[in-house]
Structure formats: C-alpha cells, structure tokens
Amino acid sequence: MKSPSRKVFGTGGLTLVEILVVIAIIAILVAILLPVLANAKAKAYRVQCAGNLRQWGTAITMFAGDNSGYFPDNTQPGAADLAWMAYDFSNVFYPVYLYRNKPGTSVSGLRSKSDVFFCPTDVAVRQSESRGNLPNVIGYNYLPRRAQTTNLWGVSWNYDANGVGAWCLKRPKLDGPYRKAPVMIDRLQRTQVKGWSDVNIYNGKLYPDSAHPGAHNVPVGGNFLFEDARVEWKRFNEANPAGSIDVGSTGNGPAGTYFDYYRPADLGTGPW
C-alpha cells in the first residue's frame, strides 16, 4: 500500500498531506477575508451615500437662498408618496442647483451606482425606474413641501400614520417649526406581503426593498439629511424600531401596505 505522505510531484515535491494543509489554510483565509471585504464595501457605499445627501443638502440650501427660504415645490404633478418628485424639478431645481437628471430607461439601462439621485445600494427603485421609464423617481425618501396626492396606483399615502405628517405636509420653508425633522432619508421600506423585499412590477423579480440591506434584506441603518446639510448615519433595529428608527408613514401598492421608516428614536414629532 502506498503511503499518503509520499512525494506526489517527484523529488522535492509536496506530499498529499501538505497539499491538503495548504488548501485548508487558503479556505480559512478566504472565510476570514470575505466578511472583511464585504464590510469594507458596505462602509464605502455608506460614505458615498452620505456624500450624495450632502450634495442634495447644499443644493436645497442654495435654492432656499434664492427663493425666500422655501424648499423646492414638491406639490406639483408627478409628486407622490416619498420618492416620487414633481416633474418640474427637472427644469427649476436639478439642472440649476444639483445636476441634470439622467434617468435610467429600458433603452439606456440602469443608472450608475455613482449617480447622486440614488443611494448606491438601492436596487428596487433603480430597477423600477429603468424598466418602467419613470423619470421622476429618486432613490431616497424626500419629505418637505409635499401635498396629499394619489400614487401610481391611485392610492393616497398616509403621511400621518405615526404622527409626523407635518414633516411633509406643513413644511414649506427651511427653519420653520419642523426644522429638526430630516429632509431626506435612505429608503428603509418593508411591505406587508414580501417583508423587506419587493417584487418588481415590470420584471417579476424579487429585490431588497431597502437601501443598505443586511441579512434577509433587513436594512442595517440609513443616512439622514437635515436642514443644516448635516448627514447622520443611524442604525436600525428590526426588533426595536421605536428605539432606533420607527415607521414614519404608510401607503398601499402591489405588495399590500408599505411601511417607510424615518422617525429617529432620538427625535420627537415637533413642532420645536
């Protein structure tokens, strides 16, 4: 019987045992490095996302400076829910204060992950935009100067589902009674039917319905933009949303009731 420890590549070669040891070491290193690399990638996306929101904050502040302190008017046609913006933003706000909107389409494909209109980790809305040719949706939730309108499915969004409807509906200007409320937030959304995932109505595929998804697509947290252009990262605890980031508003769509989380535990409802 041949010994498993004999040289398999001739004189001076490795034994079978030595080869197996090397393979085991490589497997261990891969197991150690993959989570590290994944964490580093997630942190890089988090930083990029915060940079996007800072650009939005600067643009909103500049617009307000030119318009008697008012936020851009998001009560006009096209605006709905939290991520749908007025069509007129593409004329009076984006090209002047932020940059020209270049929506993804069924012809051009998905937006780049470096696009300031979307969090780099947002998959669901980026897919919906391109598949449905939707030029007025963004990859963040935007709160101020909205009006009670119907969404794509003819349903009114319940902005006051958790007592913070005024953050959207009674906030036309900066530095008003709801000045401490966030202006924009990463999309942290759960659906009644699919939980933290959602089915794309244009291709039938299942995607994470939130930015910065973790295990089982549950978001690990989100970036919050405030009126002073400050951006804060806040962690999300699914087991204790009231102690981390709670539901801000709700609405209906293809996956039943949608729950959007943007009420930080360390912030009251206002006014302040």
C-alpha atoms as a PDB file:
ATOM      1  CA  MET A   1       0.000   0.000   0.000  1.00  0.00           C
ATOM      2  CA  LYS A   2       1.301   3.431  -0.932  1.00  0.00           C
ATOM      3  CA  SER A   3       1.753   5.935   1.856  1.00  0.00           C
ATOM      4  CA  PRO A   4      -0.347   9.159   1.534  1.00  0.00           C
ATOM      5  CA  SER A   5       2.689  11.103   2.633  1.00  0.00           C
ATOM      6  CA  ARG A   6       4.843  10.111  -0.363  1.00  0.00           C
ATOM      7  CA  LYS A   7       6.059  12.880  -2.692  1.00  0.00           C
ATOM      8  CA  VAL A   8       3.494  13.309  -5.470  1.00  0.00           C
ATOM      9  CA  PHE A   9       5.451  15.687  -7.712  1.00  0.00           C
ATOM     10  CA  GLY A  10       8.741  13.914  -7.736  1.00  0.00           C
ATOM     11  CA  THR A  11      11.791  14.562  -5.639  1.00  0.00           C
ATOM     12  CA  GLY A  12      11.403  17.672  -3.533  1.00  0.00           C
ATOM     13  CA  GLY A  13       7.675  17.992  -4.308  1.00  0.00           C
ATOM     14  CA  LEU A  14       4.813  18.384  -1.863  1.00  0.00           C
ATOM     15  CA  THR A  15       3.174  15.448  -0.181  1.00  0.00           C
ATOM     16  CA  LEU A  16      -0.575  14.917  -0.429  1.00  0.00           C
ATOM     17  CA  VAL A  17      -0.919  15.856   3.223  1.00  0.00           C
ATOM     18  CA  GLU A  18       0.981  19.103   2.639  1.00  0.00           C
ATOM     19  CA  ILE A  19      -1.262  19.980  -0.308  1.00  0.00           C
ATOM     20  CA  LEU A  20      -4.364  19.378   1.788  1.00  0.00           C
ATOM     21  CA  VAL A  21      -2.952  21.576   4.550  1.00  0.00           C
ATOM     22  CA  VAL A  22      -2.305  24.405   2.053  1.00  0.00           C
ATOM     23  CA  ILE A  23      -5.861  24.098   0.683  1.00  0.00           C
ATOM     24  CA  ALA A  24      -7.267  24.197   4.215  1.00  0.00           C
ATOM     25  CA  ILE A  25      -5.249  27.322   5.035  1.00  0.00           C
ATOM     26  CA  ILE A  26      -6.455  29.048   1.865  1.00  0.00           C
ATOM     27  CA  ALA A  27     -10.073  28.141   2.705  1.00  0.00           C
ATOM     28  CA  ILE A  28      -9.670  29.587   6.205  1.00  0.00           C
ATOM     29  CA  LEU A  29      -8.144  32.805   4.844  1.00  0.00           C
ATOM     30  CA  VAL A  30     -10.978  33.186   2.342  1.00  0.00           C
ATOM     31  CA  ALA A  31     -13.549  32.633   5.104  1.00  0.00           C
ATOM     32  CA  ILE A  32     -11.848  35.331   7.180  1.00  0.00           C
ATOM     33  CA  LEU A  33     -11.334  37.843   4.376  1.00  0.00           C
ATOM     34  CA  LEU A  34     -14.726  37.672   2.644  1.00  0.00           C
ATOM     35  CA  PRO A  35     -16.704  39.198   5.547  1.00  0.00           C
ATOM     36  CA  VAL A  36     -13.982  41.820   5.992  1.00  0.00           C
ATOM     37  CA  LEU A  37     -14.177  42.759   2.323  1.00  0.00           C
ATOM     38  CA  ALA A  38     -17.983  42.795   2.435  1.00  0.00           C
ATOM     39  CA  ASN A  39     -17.922  45.115   5.454  1.00  0.00           C
ATOM     40  CA  ALA A  40     -15.418  47.399   3.768  1.00  0.00           C
ATOM     41  CA  LYS A  41     -17.620  47.564   0.662  1.00  0.00           C
ATOM     42  CA  ALA A  42     -20.707  48.339   2.769  1.00  0.00           C
ATOM     43  CA  LYS A  43     -18.856  51.134   4.582  1.00  0.00           C
ATOM     44  CA  ALA A  44     -17.658  52.580   1.270  1.00  0.00           C
ATOM     45  CA  TYR A  45     -21.251  52.634  -0.026  1.00  0.00           C
ATOM     46  CA  ARG A  46     -22.370  54.272   3.219  1.00  0.00           C
ATOM     47  CA  VAL A  47     -19.799  57.037   2.778  1.00  0.00           C
ATOM     48  CA  GLN A  48     -20.753  57.505  -0.881  1.00  0.00           C
ATOM     49  CA  CYS A  49     -24.432  57.687   0.059  1.00  0.00           C
ATOM     50  CA  ALA A  50     -23.695  60.333   2.705  1.00  0.00           C
ATOM     51  CA  GLY A  51     -21.794  62.308   0.073  1.00  0.00           C
ATOM     52  CA  ASN A  52     -24.843  62.196  -2.209  1.00  0.00           C
ATOM     53  CA  LEU A  53     -27.065  63.582   0.519  1.00  0.00           C
ATOM     54  CA  ARG A  54     -24.595  66.357   1.336  1.00  0.00           C
ATOM     55  CA  GLN A  55     -24.795  67.445  -2.306  1.00  0.00           C
ATOM     56  CA  TRP A  56     -28.575  67.466  -2.037  1.00  0.00           C
ATOM     57  CA  GLY A  57     -28.310  69.483   1.176  1.00  0.00           C
ATOM     58  CA  THR A  58     -26.123  72.094  -0.484  1.00  0.00           C
ATOM     59  CA  ALA A  59     -28.479  72.302  -3.478  1.00  0.00           C
ATOM     60  CA  ILE A  60     -31.573  72.701  -1.281  1.00  0.00           C
ATOM     61  CA  THR A  61     -29.869  75.405   0.798  1.00  0.00           C
ATOM     62  CA  MET A  62     -28.861  77.294  -2.348  1.00  0.00           C
ATOM     63  CA  PHE A  63     -32.389  77.049  -3.758  1.00  0.00           C
ATOM     64  CA  ALA A  64     -33.861  78.315  -0.485  1.00  0.00           C
ATOM     65  CA  GLY A  65     -31.409  81.215  -0.506  1.00  0.00           C
ATOM     66  CA  ASP A  66     -32.688  82.249  -3.923  1.00  0.00           C
ATOM     67  CA  ASN A  67     -36.365  81.686  -3.082  1.00  0.00           C
ATOM     68  CA  SER A  68     -37.127  83.401   0.251  1.00  0.00           C
ATOM     69  CA  GLY A  69     -36.282  80.312   2.292  1.00  0.00           C
ATOM     70  CA  TYR A  70     -38.684  77.949   0.507  1.00  0.00           C
ATOM     71  CA  PHE A  71     -37.991  74.308  -0.297  1.00  0.00           C
ATOM     72  CA  PRO A  72     -38.462  73.334  -3.958  1.00  0.00           C
ATOM     73  CA  ASP A  73     -42.190  72.961  -4.632  1.00  0.00           C
ATOM     74  CA  ASN A  74     -42.988  69.257  -4.434  1.00  0.00           C
ATOM     75  CA  THR A  75     -46.773  69.693  -4.527  1.00  0.00           C
ATOM     76  CA  GLN A  76     -46.938  69.769  -8.331  1.00  0.00           C
ATOM     77  CA  PRO A  77     -47.839  66.956 -10.781  1.00  0.00           C
ATOM     78  CA  GLY A  78     -45.591  63.914 -10.532  1.00  0.00           C
ATOM     79  CA  ALA A  79     -45.012  64.200  -6.789  1.00  0.00           C
ATOM     80  CA  ALA A  80     -46.401  61.385  -4.624  1.00  0.00           C
ATOM     81  CA  ASP A  81     -45.522  59.130  -1.721  1.00  0.00           C
ATOM     82  CA  LEU A  82     -41.926  59.777  -0.624  1.00  0.00           C
ATOM     83  CA  ALA A  83     -39.599  59.019  -3.550  1.00  0.00           C
ATOM     84  CA  TRP A  84     -41.727  60.484  -6.357  1.00  0.00           C
ATOM     85  CA  MET A  85     -40.801  64.055  -7.236  1.00  0.00           C
ATOM     86  CA  ALA A  86     -42.613  66.766  -9.173  1.00  0.00           C
ATOM     87  CA  TYR A  87     -41.807  66.697 -12.885  1.00  0.00           C
ATOM     88  CA  ASP A  88     -40.870  70.363 -12.696  1.00  0.00           C
ATOM     89  CA  PHE A  89     -37.799  69.537 -10.578  1.00  0.00           C
ATOM     90  CA  SER A  90     -36.090  68.601 -13.849  1.00  0.00           C
ATOM     91  CA  ASN A  91     -36.492  72.207 -15.012  1.00  0.00           C
ATOM     92  CA  VAL A  92     -36.220  74.503 -11.995  1.00  0.00           C
ATOM     93  CA  PHE A  93     -34.156  72.570  -9.477  1.00  0.00           C
ATOM     94  CA  TYR A  94     -31.963  69.723 -10.727  1.00  0.00           C
ATOM     95  CA  PRO A  95     -30.081  71.418 -13.592  1.00  0.00           C
ATOM     96  CA  VAL A  96     -29.660  74.704 -11.728  1.00  0.00           C
ATOM     97  CA  TYR A  97     -28.749  73.583  -8.211  1.00  0.00           C
ATOM     98  CA  LEU A  98     -27.857  69.865  -8.334  1.00  0.00           C
ATOM     99  CA  TYR A  99     -27.209  68.499 -11.809  1.00  0.00           C
ATOM    100  CA  ARG A 100     -29.209  67.392 -14.822  1.00  0.00           C
ATOM    101  CA  ASN A 101     -31.300  64.326 -14.136  1.00  0.00           C
ATOM    102  CA  LYS A 102     -30.397  61.358 -16.338  1.00  0.00           C
ATOM    103  CA  PRO A 103     -32.956  58.682 -15.513  1.00  0.00           C
ATOM    104  CA  GLY A 104     -32.383  55.066 -16.409  1.00  0.00           C
ATOM    105  CA  THR A 105     -34.627  53.748 -19.168  1.00  0.00           C
ATOM    106  CA  SER A 106     -35.419  50.464 -20.859  1.00  0.00           C
ATOM    107  CA  VAL A 107     -33.044  51.582 -23.626  1.00  0.00           C
ATOM    108  CA  SER A 108     -30.160  53.125 -21.660  1.00  0.00           C
ATOM    109  CA  GLY A 109     -30.351  50.633 -18.784  1.00  0.00           C
ATOM    110  CA  LEU A 110     -29.805  51.215 -15.079  1.00  0.00           C
ATOM    111  CA  ARG A 111     -28.360  54.352 -13.555  1.00  0.00           C
ATOM    112  CA  SER A 112     -24.765  54.214 -12.446  1.00  0.00           C
ATOM    113  CA  LYS A 113     -24.122  53.476  -8.773  1.00  0.00           C
ATOM    114  CA  SER A 114     -22.276  56.795  -8.644  1.00  0.00           C
ATOM    115  CA  ASP A 115     -25.433  58.775  -9.527  1.00  0.00           C
ATOM    116  CA  VAL A 116     -26.271  61.367  -6.857  1.00  0.00           C
ATOM    117  CA  PHE A 117     -30.017  60.767  -7.295  1.00  0.00           C
ATOM    118  CA  PHE A 118     -29.784  57.248  -5.852  1.00  0.00           C
ATOM    119  CA  CYS A 119     -28.159  55.568  -2.883  1.00  0.00           C
ATOM    120  CA  PRO A 120     -25.581  53.168  -4.378  1.00  0.00           C
ATOM    121  CA  THR A 121     -27.237  50.280  -2.503  1.00  0.00           C
ATOM    122  CA  ASP A 122     -30.776  50.969  -3.757  1.00  0.00           C
ATOM    123  CA  VAL A 123     -31.741  48.161  -6.132  1.00  0.00           C
ATOM    124  CA  ALA A 124     -35.540  48.102  -6.223  1.00  0.00           C
ATOM    125  CA  VAL A 125     -36.203  51.685  -7.341  1.00  0.00           C
ATOM    126  CA  ARG A 126     -33.267  51.683  -9.765  1.00  0.00           C
ATOM    127  CA  GLN A 127     -34.784  48.616 -11.431  1.00  0.00           C
ATOM    128  CA  SER A 128     -38.306  50.063 -11.438  1.00  0.00           C
ATOM    129  CA  GLU A 129     -37.104  53.338 -12.923  1.00  0.00           C
ATOM    130  CA  SER A 130     -35.415  51.748 -15.907  1.00  0.00           C
ATOM    131  CA  ARG A 131     -37.991  49.037 -16.542  1.00  0.00           C
ATOM    132  CA  GLY A 132     -40.922  51.442 -16.283  1.00  0.00           C
ATOM    133  CA  ASN A 133     -39.255  54.512 -17.829  1.00  0.00           C
ATOM    134  CA  LEU A 134     -40.056  56.583 -14.724  1.00  0.00           C
ATOM    135  CA  PRO A 135     -38.212  59.917 -14.949  1.00  0.00           C
ATOM    136  CA  ASN A 136     -39.439  61.443 -11.674  1.00  0.00           C
ATOM    137  CA  VAL A 137     -38.492  58.840  -9.058  1.00  0.00           C
ATOM    138  CA  ILE A 138     -35.353  59.048  -6.917  1.00  0.00           C
ATOM    139  CA  GLY A 139     -33.520  56.535  -4.753  1.00  0.00           C
ATOM    140  CA  TYR A 140     -34.157  58.395  -1.486  1.00  0.00           C
ATOM    141  CA  ASN A 141     -37.186  59.454   0.529  1.00  0.00           C
ATOM    142  CA  TYR A 142     -37.733  63.211   0.334  1.00  0.00           C
ATOM    143  CA  LEU A 143     -40.069  64.782   2.911  1.00  0.00           C
ATOM    144  CA  PRO A 144     -40.676  68.577   2.816  1.00  0.00           C
ATOM    145  CA  ARG A 145     -43.230  70.630   0.904  1.00  0.00           C
ATOM    146  CA  ARG A 146     -45.415  67.767  -0.223  1.00  0.00           C
ATOM    147  CA  ALA A 147     -49.188  67.622  -0.658  1.00  0.00           C
ATOM    148  CA  GLN A 148     -51.711  64.840  -0.154  1.00  0.00           C
ATOM    149  CA  THR A 149     -51.867  63.212  -3.591  1.00  0.00           C
ATOM    150  CA  THR A 150     -52.523  59.771  -5.025  1.00  0.00           C
ATOM    151  CA  ASN A 151     -49.695  57.488  -6.043  1.00  0.00           C
ATOM    152  CA  LEU A 152     -49.066  55.400  -9.149  1.00  0.00           C
ATOM    153  CA  TRP A 153     -51.844  53.006  -8.098  1.00  0.00           C
ATOM    154  CA  GLY A 154     -54.381  55.735  -7.316  1.00  0.00           C
ATOM    155  CA  VAL A 155     -53.977  55.420  -3.543  1.00  0.00           C
ATOM    156  CA  SER A 156     -53.336  58.280  -1.099  1.00  0.00           C
ATOM    157  CA  TRP A 157     -50.212  57.956   1.036  1.00  0.00           C
ATOM    158  CA  ASN A 158     -50.834  58.120   4.782  1.00  0.00           C
ATOM    159  CA  TYR A 159     -48.198  60.680   5.781  1.00  0.00           C
ATOM    160  CA  ASP A 160     -49.600  60.958   9.312  1.00  0.00           C
ATOM    161  CA  ALA A 161     -49.628  57.243  10.113  1.00  0.00           C
ATOM    162  CA  ASN A 162     -47.242  57.785  13.022  1.00  0.00           C
ATOM    163  CA  GLY A 163     -47.822  61.419  13.937  1.00  0.00           C
ATOM    164  CA  VAL A 164     -45.197  63.045  11.689  1.00  0.00           C
ATOM    165  CA  GLY A 165     -47.303  64.044   8.688  1.00  0.00           C
ATOM    166  CA  ALA A 166     -46.406  67.698   9.270  1.00  0.00           C
ATOM    167  CA  TRP A 167     -42.772  66.877   8.369  1.00  0.00           C
ATOM    168  CA  CYS A 168     -44.070  66.506   4.808  1.00  0.00           C
ATOM    169  CA  LEU A 169     -47.320  68.439   4.552  1.00  0.00           C
ATOM    170  CA  LYS A 170     -46.729  71.522   6.741  1.00  0.00           C
ATOM    171  CA  ARG A 171     -43.140  72.333   5.950  1.00  0.00           C
ATOM    172  CA  PRO A 172     -42.871  74.749   3.016  1.00  0.00           C
ATOM    173  CA  LYS A 173     -39.784  76.618   4.257  1.00  0.00           C
ATOM    174  CA  LEU A 174     -36.477  75.957   5.958  1.00  0.00           C
ATOM    175  CA  ASP A 175     -36.048  76.955   9.604  1.00  0.00           C
ATOM    176  CA  GLY A 176     -39.740  76.587  10.347  1.00  0.00           C
ATOM    177  CA  PRO A 177     -41.460  74.820  13.253  1.00  0.00           C
ATOM    178  CA  TYR A 178     -40.368  71.393  11.906  1.00  0.00           C
ATOM    179  CA  ARG A 179     -36.757  72.383  11.244  1.00  0.00           C
ATOM    180  CA  LYS A 180     -35.323  69.498  13.294  1.00  0.00           C
ATOM    181  CA  ALA A 181     -37.014  66.853  11.148  1.00  0.00           C
ATOM    182  CA  PRO A 182     -34.988  65.096   8.452  1.00  0.00           C
ATOM    183  CA  VAL A 183     -35.173  66.391   4.902  1.00  0.00           C
ATOM    184  CA  MET A 184     -34.112  63.233   3.082  1.00  0.00           C
ATOM    185  CA  ILE A 185     -33.506  59.664   4.194  1.00  0.00           C
ATOM    186  CA  ASP A 186     -32.340  56.395   2.738  1.00  0.00           C
ATOM    187  CA  ARG A 187     -35.294  54.287   1.696  1.00  0.00           C
ATOM    188  CA  LEU A 188     -35.966  51.897   4.595  1.00  0.00           C
ATOM    189  CA  GLN A 189     -39.114  50.142   3.465  1.00  0.00           C
ATOM    190  CA  ARG A 190     -40.981  46.990   4.440  1.00  0.00           C
ATOM    191  CA  THR A 191     -44.001  45.567   2.636  1.00  0.00           C
ATOM    192  CA  GLN A 192     -46.955  43.702   4.065  1.00  0.00           C
ATOM    193  CA  VAL A 193     -46.681  40.826   1.590  1.00  0.00           C
ATOM    194  CA  LYS A 194     -42.936  40.420   0.994  1.00  0.00           C
ATOM    195  CA  GLY A 195     -41.407  41.816   4.176  1.00  0.00           C
ATOM    196  CA  TRP A 196     -38.113  43.558   3.452  1.00  0.00           C
ATOM    197  CA  SER A 197     -38.241  42.526  -0.198  1.00  0.00           C
ATOM    198  CA  ASP A 198     -40.495  43.576  -3.035  1.00  0.00           C
ATOM    199  CA  VAL A 199     -41.466  42.214  -6.424  1.00  0.00           C
ATOM    200  CA  ASN A 200     -40.549  44.431  -9.361  1.00  0.00           C
ATOM    201  CA  ILE A 201     -43.820  45.005 -11.209  1.00  0.00           C
ATOM    202  CA  TYR A 202     -42.000  45.225 -14.552  1.00  0.00           C
ATOM    203  CA  ASN A 203     -39.919  42.023 -14.499  1.00  0.00           C
ATOM    204  CA  GLY A 204     -41.370  39.998 -11.619  1.00  0.00           C
ATOM    205  CA  LYS A 205     -38.026  39.666  -9.793  1.00  0.00           C
ATOM    206  CA  LEU A 206     -37.595  39.956  -6.045  1.00  0.00           C
ATOM    207  CA  TYR A 207     -35.235  42.674  -4.777  1.00  0.00           C
ATOM    208  CA  PRO A 208     -34.257  44.186  -1.422  1.00  0.00           C
ATOM    209  CA  ASP A 209     -36.808  46.927  -0.873  1.00  0.00           C
ATOM    210  CA  SER A 210     -34.474  48.996   1.300  1.00  0.00           C
ATOM    211  CA  ALA A 211     -31.124  50.666   0.981  1.00  0.00           C
ATOM    212  CA  HIS A 212     -28.176  49.199   2.914  1.00  0.00           C
ATOM    213  CA  PRO A 213     -29.705  45.699   3.182  1.00  0.00           C
ATOM    214  CA  GLY A 214     -28.252  43.182   5.610  1.00  0.00           C
ATOM    215  CA  ALA A 215     -29.307  39.641   6.458  1.00  0.00           C
ATOM    216  CA  HIS A 216     -32.664  38.701   4.900  1.00  0.00           C
ATOM    217  CA  ASN A 217     -32.663  42.164   3.261  1.00  0.00           C
ATOM    218  CA  VAL A 218     -33.327  43.886   6.606  1.00  0.00           C
ATOM    219  CA  PRO A 219     -31.600  47.306   6.469  1.00  0.00           C
ATOM    220  CA  VAL A 220     -28.730  47.786   8.883  1.00  0.00           C
ATOM    221  CA  GLY A 221     -29.392  51.530   9.017  1.00  0.00           C
ATOM    222  CA  GLY A 222     -29.694  54.638   6.917  1.00  0.00           C
ATOM    223  CA  ASN A 223     -28.278  58.086   6.273  1.00  0.00           C
ATOM    224  CA  PHE A 224     -30.363  61.102   7.313  1.00  0.00           C
ATOM    225  CA  LEU A 225     -30.007  64.599   5.810  1.00  0.00           C
ATOM    226  CA  PHE A 226     -31.084  67.538   7.986  1.00  0.00           C
ATOM    227  CA  GLU A 227     -31.797  71.179   7.161  1.00  0.00           C
ATOM    228  CA  ASP A 228     -28.319  72.359   8.155  1.00  0.00           C
ATOM    229  CA  ALA A 229     -26.869  69.993   5.485  1.00  0.00           C
ATOM    230  CA  ARG A 230     -25.679  67.656   8.240  1.00  0.00           C
ATOM    231  CA  VAL A 231     -25.804  63.933   7.418  1.00  0.00           C
ATOM    232  CA  GLU A 232     -26.052  61.348  10.185  1.00  0.00           C
ATOM    233  CA  TRP A 233     -25.899  57.559   9.974  1.00  0.00           C
ATOM    234  CA  LYS A 234     -28.469  55.885  12.227  1.00  0.00           C
ATOM    235  CA  ARG A 235     -28.600  52.169  12.907  1.00  0.00           C
ATOM    236  CA  PHE A 236     -31.844  50.234  12.524  1.00  0.00           C
ATOM    237  CA  ASN A 237     -33.013  47.529  14.915  1.00  0.00           C
ATOM    238  CA  GLU A 238     -35.825  45.438  13.474  1.00  0.00           C
ATOM    239  CA  ALA A 239     -36.663  44.069  16.926  1.00  0.00           C
ATOM    240  CA  ASN A 240     -36.966  47.588  18.349  1.00  0.00           C
ATOM    241  CA  PRO A 241     -37.854  50.157  15.674  1.00  0.00           C
ATOM    242  CA  ALA A 242     -39.283  52.547  18.271  1.00  0.00           C
ATOM    243  CA  GLY A 243     -35.854  52.572  19.894  1.00  0.00           C
ATOM    244  CA  SER A 244     -33.934  53.034  16.625  1.00  0.00           C
ATOM    245  CA  ILE A 245     -35.822  54.176  13.506  1.00  0.00           C
ATOM    246  CA  ASP A 246     -39.604  53.903  13.623  1.00  0.00           C
ATOM    247  CA  VAL A 247     -42.280  53.966  10.914  1.00  0.00           C
ATOM    248  CA  GLY A 248     -42.892  57.449   9.583  1.00  0.00           C
ATOM    249  CA  SER A 249     -45.719  56.805   7.143  1.00  0.00           C
ATOM    250  CA  THR A 250     -47.526  54.071   5.238  1.00  0.00           C
ATOM    251  CA  GLY A 251     -49.194  53.522   1.889  1.00  0.00           C
ATOM    252  CA  ASN A 252     -50.536  50.847  -0.415  1.00  0.00           C
ATOM    253  CA  GLY A 253     -49.115  49.269  -3.551  1.00  0.00           C
ATOM    254  CA  PRO A 254     -48.655  45.949  -5.377  1.00  0.00           C
ATOM    255  CA  ALA A 255     -47.207  44.314  -2.213  1.00  0.00           C
ATOM    256  CA  GLY A 256     -50.011  45.426   0.112  1.00  0.00           C
ATOM    257  CA  THR A 257     -49.227  48.014   2.771  1.00  0.00           C
ATOM    258  CA  TYR A 258     -45.826  49.700   2.577  1.00  0.00           C
ATOM    259  CA  PHE A 259     -44.114  50.852   5.777  1.00  0.00           C
ATOM    260  CA  ASP A 260     -41.448  53.537   5.472  1.00  0.00           C
ATOM    261  CA  TYR A 261     -39.097  54.055   8.409  1.00  0.00           C
ATOM    262  CA  TYR A 262     -37.685  57.533   9.003  1.00  0.00           C
ATOM    263  CA  ARG A 263     -38.675  58.636  12.516  1.00  0.00           C
ATOM    264  CA  PRO A 264     -35.487  58.560  14.653  1.00  0.00           C
ATOM    265  CA  ALA A 265     -35.864  57.447  18.255  1.00  0.00           C
ATOM    266  CA  ASP A 266     -33.944  60.500  19.476  1.00  0.00           C
ATOM    267  CA  LEU A 267     -36.319  62.964  17.806  1.00  0.00           C
ATOM    268  CA  GLY A 268     -39.816  63.965  18.825  1.00  0.00           C
ATOM    269  CA  THR A 269     -42.638  64.748  16.422  1.00  0.00           C
ATOM    270  CA  GLY A 270     -42.351  68.544  16.701  1.00  0.00           C
ATOM    271  CA  PRO A 271     -43.080  71.370  16.338  1.00  0.00           C
ATOM    272  CA  TRP A 272     -39.949  72.674  18.006  1.00  0.00           C
END
